[in-house]
Amino acid sequence: MSQKIAHAALGAAEVAIRGGNPAAGEIFARKDFSTSIILEAAMTHDGQSIRVMCGKAETDGIKPWSLAKVTFGDGLYVHTSKGTFFGKDGAEKAFRLMRGLKWTDGDTLDDYC
């Protein structure tokens, strides 16, 4: 994990640990060629991690939507990719399902890829 990504994930996790979710529109991660912007974030029921749905700031990505989980443990923030998606609806579906919520909008392109 690059230092820039670690600092972005650390910032998002710190906000969540302090009792709030990272805000939509904030930078979640920045790499040399792309920046992930938070679309939505939610704390898990046990309060041990947050789930984050992001979109790329750049418009040329093949899979511009992503999900991540940030967990705090043993004094470290751990940033785990939970997938990338062709369509925003695919990311939204996965985000809802990973939070234990229902998805009623049918299949997405990402269900077949």
Protein backbone atom coordinates (compact mmCIF):
# COMPACT_ATOMS: atom_id res chain seq x y z
CA MET A 1 0.00 0.00 0.00
CA SER A 2 1.46 3.33 -0.95
CA GLN A 3 1.91 5.99 1.73
CA LYS A 4 -0.68 8.23 0.04
CA ILE A 5 -3.31 5.48 0.16
CA ALA A 6 -2.45 4.66 3.76
CA HIS A 7 -2.92 8.29 4.80
CA ALA A 8 -6.26 8.57 2.96
CA ALA A 9 -7.56 5.35 4.50
CA LEU A 10 -6.28 6.45 7.88
CA GLY A 11 -8.19 9.72 7.59
CA ALA A 12 -11.43 7.98 6.64
CA ALA A 13 -11.06 5.42 9.43
CA GLU A 14 -10.23 8.09 12.02
CA VAL A 15 -13.43 9.96 11.15
CA ALA A 16 -15.43 6.75 11.58
CA ILE A 17 -13.75 5.81 14.87
CA ARG A 18 -14.60 9.27 16.22
CA GLY A 19 -18.28 8.58 15.66
CA GLY A 20 -19.04 9.75 12.14
CA ASN A 21 -18.77 8.51 8.61
CA PRO A 22 -16.43 9.99 6.03
CA ALA A 23 -18.34 12.51 3.98
CA ALA A 24 -19.37 12.04 0.37
CA GLY A 25 -17.05 13.98 -1.91
CA GLU A 26 -13.94 13.52 0.25
CA ILE A 27 -10.84 11.87 -1.20
CA PHE A 28 -10.58 8.29 0.02
CA ALA A 29 -7.42 7.22 -1.80
CA ARG A 30 -4.97 8.78 -4.23
CA LYS A 31 -2.51 6.89 -6.40
CA ASP A 32 -0.18 8.13 -9.10
CA PHE A 33 -2.79 7.86 -11.85
CA SER A 34 -6.16 7.93 -10.08
CA THR A 35 -8.12 9.37 -7.19
CA SER A 36 -11.02 7.62 -5.44
CA ILE A 37 -13.79 9.89 -4.19
CA ILE A 38 -16.18 8.74 -1.43
CA LEU A 39 -19.77 8.35 -2.63
CA GLU A 40 -21.13 6.74 0.52
CA ALA A 41 -19.77 5.23 3.74
CA ALA A 42 -21.28 3.25 6.58
CA MET A 43 -20.06 1.88 9.89
CA THR A 44 -20.58 -1.83 10.49
CA HIS A 45 -23.01 -2.86 13.22
CA ASP A 46 -20.18 -3.91 15.54
CA GLY A 47 -18.39 -0.57 15.09
CA GLN A 48 -15.14 -2.31 14.12
CA SER A 49 -14.93 -1.20 10.50
CA ILE A 50 -16.41 1.02 7.85
CA ARG A 51 -17.54 0.17 4.34
CA VAL A 52 -16.85 2.75 1.66
CA MET A 53 -18.20 3.07 -1.89
CA CYS A 54 -16.04 5.19 -4.19
CA GLY A 55 -15.96 6.52 -7.71
CA LYS A 56 -12.88 7.54 -9.67
CA ALA A 57 -12.31 11.24 -10.26
CA GLU A 58 -10.89 10.38 -13.69
CA THR A 59 -13.35 9.36 -16.40
CA ASP A 60 -11.10 6.99 -18.36
CA GLY A 61 -11.18 3.99 -16.01
CA ILE A 62 -12.56 0.63 -17.14
CA LYS A 63 -14.03 -0.13 -13.72
CA PRO A 64 -14.45 3.31 -12.13
CA TRP A 65 -16.51 2.22 -9.10
CA SER A 66 -15.08 0.45 -6.05
CA LEU A 67 -15.82 -0.78 -2.54
CA ALA A 68 -13.45 -0.91 0.38
CA LYS A 69 -13.46 -1.92 4.02
CA VAL A 70 -11.32 -0.10 6.59
CA THR A 71 -10.73 -1.89 9.89
CA PHE A 72 -8.84 -0.79 12.97
CA GLY A 73 -6.95 -3.42 14.96
CA ASP A 74 -3.67 -3.88 16.79
CA GLY A 75 -2.97 -0.17 16.40
CA LEU A 76 -3.23 -0.33 12.61
CA TYR A 77 -5.78 0.73 10.02
CA VAL A 78 -6.24 -2.00 7.40
CA HIS A 79 -7.66 -1.01 3.99
CA THR A 80 -9.14 -3.95 2.06
CA SER A 81 -10.53 -3.81 -1.47
CA LYS A 82 -13.97 -5.40 -1.70
CA GLY A 83 -14.19 -5.16 -5.48
CA THR A 84 -14.31 -2.91 -8.53
CA PHE A 85 -17.31 -2.47 -10.81
CA PHE A 86 -18.19 -1.49 -14.37
CA GLY A 87 -21.38 0.30 -13.34
CA LYS A 88 -22.37 2.45 -10.41
CA ASP A 89 -25.44 0.25 -9.95
CA GLY A 90 -23.15 -2.78 -9.52
CA ALA A 91 -21.22 -0.99 -6.78
CA GLU A 92 -24.45 0.18 -5.14
CA LYS A 93 -25.86 -3.37 -5.17
CA ALA A 94 -22.71 -4.85 -3.63
CA PHE A 95 -22.52 -2.02 -1.07
CA ARG A 96 -26.11 -2.67 0.06
CA LEU A 97 -25.66 -6.45 0.19
CA MET A 98 -22.38 -6.29 2.13
CA ARG A 99 -24.23 -4.20 4.73
CA GLY A 100 -26.98 -6.82 5.02
CA LEU A 101 -29.57 -4.69 3.21
CA LYS A 102 -31.91 -5.82 0.45
CA TRP A 103 -31.41 -5.01 -3.23
CA THR A 104 -34.64 -4.83 -5.21
CA ASP A 105 -33.46 -3.21 -8.46
CA GLY A 106 -32.63 -6.46 -10.25
CA ASP A 107 -29.45 -7.57 -11.99
CA THR A 108 -26.57 -5.33 -13.00
CA LEU A 109 -23.88 -5.73 -15.65
CA ASP A 110 -21.44 -6.62 -12.90
CA ASP A 111 -23.53 -9.67 -11.99
CA TYR A 112 -22.42 -11.20 -15.31
CA CYS A 113 -18.77 -10.16 -15.39
